[in-house]
Protein backbone atom coordinates (compact mmCIF):
# COMPACT_ATOMS: atom_id res chain seq x y z
CA MET A 1 0.00 0.00 0.00
CA ASP A 2 2.79 2.39 0.89
CA ASP A 3 4.55 1.64 -2.38
CA TYR A 4 1.33 2.22 -4.31
CA ASN A 5 0.72 5.56 -2.60
CA GLY A 6 4.27 6.60 -3.31
CA MET A 7 3.86 5.82 -7.00
CA VAL A 8 0.69 7.90 -7.17
CA THR A 9 2.44 10.85 -5.50
CA ARG A 10 5.32 10.79 -7.92
CA SER A 11 2.96 10.45 -10.88
CA ASN A 12 0.86 13.42 -9.77
CA ARG A 13 3.97 15.54 -9.41
CA GLY A 14 4.94 14.66 -12.97
CA VAL A 15 1.53 15.72 -14.29
CA VAL A 16 1.70 19.00 -12.39
CA LEU A 17 5.19 19.65 -13.77
CA VAL A 18 4.09 19.02 -17.36
CA ILE A 19 1.06 21.32 -16.98
CA ALA A 20 3.26 24.04 -15.50
CA MET A 21 5.71 23.77 -18.40
CA VAL A 22 2.88 23.98 -20.97
CA ALA A 23 1.48 27.04 -19.20
CA LEU A 24 4.89 28.74 -19.18
CA LEU A 25 5.40 27.99 -22.88
CA SER A 26 1.97 29.43 -23.70
CA VAL A 27 2.70 32.62 -21.77
CA ALA A 28 6.11 32.91 -23.41
CA HIS A 29 4.54 32.47 -26.87
CA LEU A 30 1.93 35.15 -26.17
CA TRP A 31 4.59 37.49 -24.83
CA ALA A 32 6.74 36.94 -27.91
CA ASP A 33 3.81 37.74 -30.22
CA ASP A 34 2.93 40.82 -28.19
CA ALA A 35 6.54 42.00 -28.25
CA LEU A 36 6.35 42.21 -32.05
CA MET A 37 3.49 44.71 -31.89
CA VAL A 38 4.30 48.43 -31.79
CA VAL A 39 2.03 51.41 -31.15
CA HIS A 40 3.08 54.66 -32.86
CA VAL A 41 1.30 58.02 -32.52
CA PHE A 42 1.79 60.35 -35.49
CA SER A 43 1.24 64.04 -34.69
CA LEU A 44 0.69 65.59 -38.11
CA ARG A 45 1.76 69.12 -38.95
CA HIS A 46 0.77 69.44 -42.60
CA ALA A 47 -1.06 66.36 -43.88
CA ALA A 48 -4.74 65.77 -43.15
CA PRO A 49 -5.36 62.79 -40.82
CA VAL A 50 -8.02 61.44 -43.19
CA ASP A 51 -5.55 61.45 -46.11
CA VAL A 52 -2.89 59.73 -44.03
CA SER A 53 -5.40 57.12 -42.88
CA ALA A 54 -6.38 56.37 -46.48
CA ALA A 55 -2.72 55.90 -47.44
CA VAL A 56 -1.82 53.78 -44.39
CA GLN A 57 -4.84 51.47 -44.31
CA PRO A 58 -3.71 49.22 -47.21
CA LEU A 59 -0.26 48.86 -45.60
CA LEU A 60 -1.51 47.33 -42.34
CA SER A 61 -1.07 43.65 -41.62
CA ALA A 62 -3.98 41.43 -40.62
CA GLU A 63 -3.21 42.16 -36.95
CA GLY A 64 -2.75 45.91 -37.44
CA SER A 65 -5.15 48.73 -36.65
CA ILE A 66 -5.36 52.49 -37.08
CA THR A 67 -7.19 55.12 -35.06
CA VAL A 68 -7.75 58.64 -36.41
CA PHE A 69 -8.19 61.79 -34.30
CA PRO A 70 -9.02 64.51 -36.88
CA ALA A 71 -9.60 67.29 -34.32
CA LYS A 72 -6.19 66.69 -32.74
CA GLY A 73 -4.33 66.07 -35.99
CA ARG A 74 -3.19 62.65 -34.82
CA VAL A 75 -3.15 59.13 -36.19
CA THR A 76 -2.32 56.10 -34.04
CA VAL A 77 -1.06 52.89 -35.67
CA ARG A 78 -0.67 49.53 -33.93
CA ASP A 79 1.06 46.81 -35.92
CA ARG A 80 4.15 44.68 -36.20
CA ALA A 81 7.42 46.57 -35.86
CA GLU A 82 8.49 46.14 -39.49
CA VAL A 83 5.09 47.33 -40.76
CA VAL A 84 5.12 50.40 -38.51
CA SER A 85 8.64 51.21 -39.71
CA HIS A 86 7.46 51.24 -43.34
CA ILE A 87 4.35 53.25 -42.44
CA THR A 88 6.55 55.83 -40.68
CA GLU A 89 8.46 56.42 -43.93
CA VAL A 90 5.19 56.89 -45.83
CA VAL A 91 3.79 59.33 -43.27
CA ASP A 92 7.05 61.31 -43.22
CA ARG A 93 6.81 61.77 -46.99
CA MET A 94 3.18 62.87 -46.75
CA ASP A 95 3.56 65.21 -43.79
CA ARG A 96 5.80 67.79 -45.46
CA ALA A 97 5.57 71.54 -45.59
CA PRO A 98 4.54 72.89 -49.03
CA GLU A 99 7.44 73.30 -51.47
CA ALA A 100 7.90 76.00 -54.08
CA PHE A 101 7.61 75.07 -57.75
CA HIS A 102 8.19 76.93 -61.01
CA LEU A 103 6.81 75.75 -64.36
CA ARG A 104 7.06 77.03 -67.91
CA VAL A 105 4.14 76.25 -70.20
CA GLU A 106 4.33 76.62 -73.98
CA LEU A 107 1.59 75.83 -76.48
CA LEU A 108 2.47 75.13 -80.11
CA GLU A 109 0.40 74.54 -83.19
CA GLY A 110 1.81 71.99 -85.60
CA SER A 111 1.06 71.64 -89.31
CA HIS A 112 2.02 69.47 -92.27
CA VAL A 113 2.58 72.70 -94.21
CA GLY A 114 4.74 75.64 -93.20
CA PHE A 115 3.66 78.84 -91.47
CA SER A 116 4.73 82.35 -92.42
CA LEU A 117 8.31 82.94 -91.30
CA PRO A 118 7.62 85.44 -88.47
CA ASP A 119 5.32 82.94 -86.76
CA GLU A 120 7.30 79.78 -87.33
CA ARG A 121 9.25 78.34 -84.40
CA GLU A 122 12.47 76.39 -84.66
CA ILE A 123 12.01 72.92 -83.28
CA ASP A 124 14.42 70.38 -81.85
CA SER A 125 14.85 66.79 -82.92
CA ARG A 126 12.55 65.47 -80.19
CA LEU A 127 9.49 67.16 -81.66
CA LYS A 128 10.37 65.87 -85.13
CA LYS A 129 10.55 62.30 -83.81
CA MET A 130 7.44 62.46 -81.64
CA PHE A 131 4.96 64.19 -83.95
CA PRO A 132 4.42 64.14 -87.74
CA PHE A 133 4.19 67.91 -88.27
CA LYS A 134 6.55 69.75 -90.56
CA ALA A 135 6.34 73.16 -88.92
CA TYR A 136 5.26 74.76 -85.63
CA ARG A 137 4.18 78.16 -84.42
CA VAL A 138 3.76 79.47 -80.87
CA LEU A 139 0.19 80.01 -79.68
CA GLY A 140 1.16 81.09 -76.20
CA MET A 141 3.70 80.86 -73.42
CA ALA A 142 3.50 81.52 -69.67
CA GLU A 143 5.05 80.62 -66.33
CA ILE A 144 3.34 79.21 -63.26
CA MET A 145 4.75 79.63 -59.75
CA GLY A 146 3.29 78.41 -56.49
CA GLU A 147 3.53 75.86 -53.70
CA THR A 148 2.76 72.16 -53.79
CA GLY A 149 -0.87 71.51 -53.06
CA ASP A 150 -1.97 74.68 -54.88
CA ASP A 151 -4.43 74.81 -57.76
CA ALA A 152 -3.12 77.17 -60.44
CA GLU A 153 -4.17 78.33 -63.89
CA VAL A 154 -2.75 80.54 -66.60
CA GLU A 155 -4.13 81.99 -69.84
CA LEU A 156 -2.37 81.21 -73.12
CA GLY A 157 -2.85 82.65 -76.59
CA GLY A 158 -5.51 81.37 -78.95
CA ASN A 159 -8.14 81.31 -76.22
CA PHE A 160 -6.41 78.48 -74.38
CA ARG A 161 -6.01 78.05 -70.63
CA VAL A 162 -3.94 75.63 -68.54
CA ARG A 163 -5.15 74.45 -65.13
CA VAL A 164 -2.96 72.35 -62.87
CA THR A 165 -2.72 70.97 -59.35
CA ALA A 166 0.93 70.45 -58.34
CA LEU A 167 1.60 67.78 -55.71
CA ASP A 168 4.81 66.81 -53.91
CA HIS A 169 5.79 63.39 -55.23
CA ARG A 170 9.04 62.09 -53.71
CA LEU A 171 10.60 58.90 -54.96
CA GLU A 172 11.33 56.14 -52.45
CA ASN A 173 14.21 54.89 -54.59
CA HIS A 174 15.96 55.90 -57.76
CA PRO A 175 17.01 53.24 -60.33
CA PHE A 176 20.11 52.34 -58.29
CA GLY A 177 18.05 51.48 -55.23
CA LEU A 178 19.23 54.38 -53.06
CA PRO A 179 16.87 56.84 -51.36
CA ASP A 180 16.22 60.06 -53.28
CA HIS A 181 14.53 62.85 -51.34
CA SER A 182 14.69 65.51 -54.07
CA LEU A 183 11.37 67.03 -55.07
CA ARG A 184 9.40 65.62 -57.97
CA LEU A 185 6.19 67.29 -59.00
CA LYS A 186 3.08 65.33 -59.73
CA LEU A 187 0.79 67.45 -61.90
CA GLN A 188 -2.61 65.87 -61.37
CA PRO A 189 -4.67 66.89 -63.06
CA LEU A 190 -3.03 68.84 -65.88
CA VAL A 191 -5.79 70.29 -68.05
CA LEU A 192 -5.68 72.31 -71.27
CA GLU A 193 -8.94 74.07 -72.11
CA GLN A 194 -10.06 76.05 -75.13
CA ILE A 195 -12.32 78.94 -74.22
CA ASN A 196 -14.98 80.06 -76.69
CA ASP A 197 -17.55 82.80 -76.29
CA GLU A 198 -20.20 80.53 -74.83
CA SER A 199 -18.36 77.37 -73.82
CA VAL A 200 -15.17 75.84 -72.45
CA ARG A 201 -13.86 72.73 -74.21
CA GLU A 202 -11.41 70.37 -72.53
CA VAL A 203 -8.66 69.53 -75.03
CA ILE A 204 -6.19 67.64 -72.82
CA ARG A 205 -6.54 66.06 -69.39
CA THR A 206 -3.64 64.02 -68.05
CA LYS A 207 -1.14 63.66 -65.21
CA VAL A 208 2.60 64.27 -65.38
CA LEU A 209 5.65 63.62 -63.18
CA LEU A 210 8.45 66.18 -63.43
CA SER A 211 11.92 66.56 -61.94
CA GLU A 212 13.81 69.85 -62.07
CA ASN A 213 14.76 70.81 -65.66
CA GLN A 214 12.69 67.96 -67.07
CA GLU A 215 10.49 68.74 -70.07
CA VAL A 216 7.37 66.89 -71.20
CA PHE A 217 5.64 67.08 -74.61
CA ILE A 218 1.90 66.34 -74.88
CA GLY A 219 0.18 66.35 -78.26
CA ALA A 220 -3.47 66.49 -79.33
CA GLY A 221 -5.25 66.50 -82.70
CA SER A 222 -8.74 66.14 -84.10
CA ALA A 223 -7.74 62.76 -85.59
CA GLU A 224 -4.73 60.44 -85.68
CA ASN A 225 -3.76 61.56 -89.19
CA SER A 226 -4.85 65.18 -88.76
CA SER A 227 -2.91 67.75 -90.80
CA ARG A 228 -2.88 70.09 -87.80
CA GLY A 229 -2.56 69.63 -84.07
CA ILE A 230 -1.32 71.23 -80.87
CA VAL A 231 1.59 70.37 -78.61
CA LEU A 232 1.73 71.41 -74.96
CA ILE A 233 5.25 71.64 -73.50
CA ILE A 234 5.67 71.64 -69.71
CA LYS A 235 9.06 72.22 -68.09
CA ALA A 236 10.03 72.36 -64.40
CA LEU A 237 12.39 75.32 -64.14
CA PRO A 238 15.34 75.60 -61.71
CA GLY A 239 14.31 76.83 -58.30
CA MET A 240 12.27 73.84 -57.24
CA ALA A 241 13.01 72.98 -53.64
CA LYS A 242 15.33 70.12 -52.66
């Protein structure tokens, strides 16, 4: 009987020890999972909390969450450490002070036949390769200056008008994989309108990315083989912020 009781006592102790070890492993596993979670409060100075929330939401993991406090200009993110690190980079790019920009806008008319000499404009090889026109003349030229986030417009000759919203678009990486924090402008939308006495006709609507000194050519015609057409040239002039 004594031997039997002793066996039971030792067996019970073994069961208790196994249960204790399982409990400790479970707690350790939960603690390890919890240690991976990070809570970060973003106090925004320039970006709208709603805009930041819309950009961050798709980046969250299945365990992540976001809380928005519009009145206080704050966004709180809870997620795994590596996810929060990436989100921090995105928010930093969004929450920037407005940057100055300077654009030159030129509108040309192209034709398969020449114009009178005073009106005709010399063209470079890029225009010759991109569009089928033999000659060009200037319809209007203007400059646009402002800050990123602004809506701007300028009148051109021939009853044309350009409207543009310039946004700060920074690249995460350049082709060599290194960070590049220089300003790129995202013109979205970029709209060319023709204004008549009783109506406004939209001729071009597009979006454009521009670095400093970069030039973009945008053409439009009534048909693909039209004998006449227009070319809008947009250039980001020196003076854009770094």
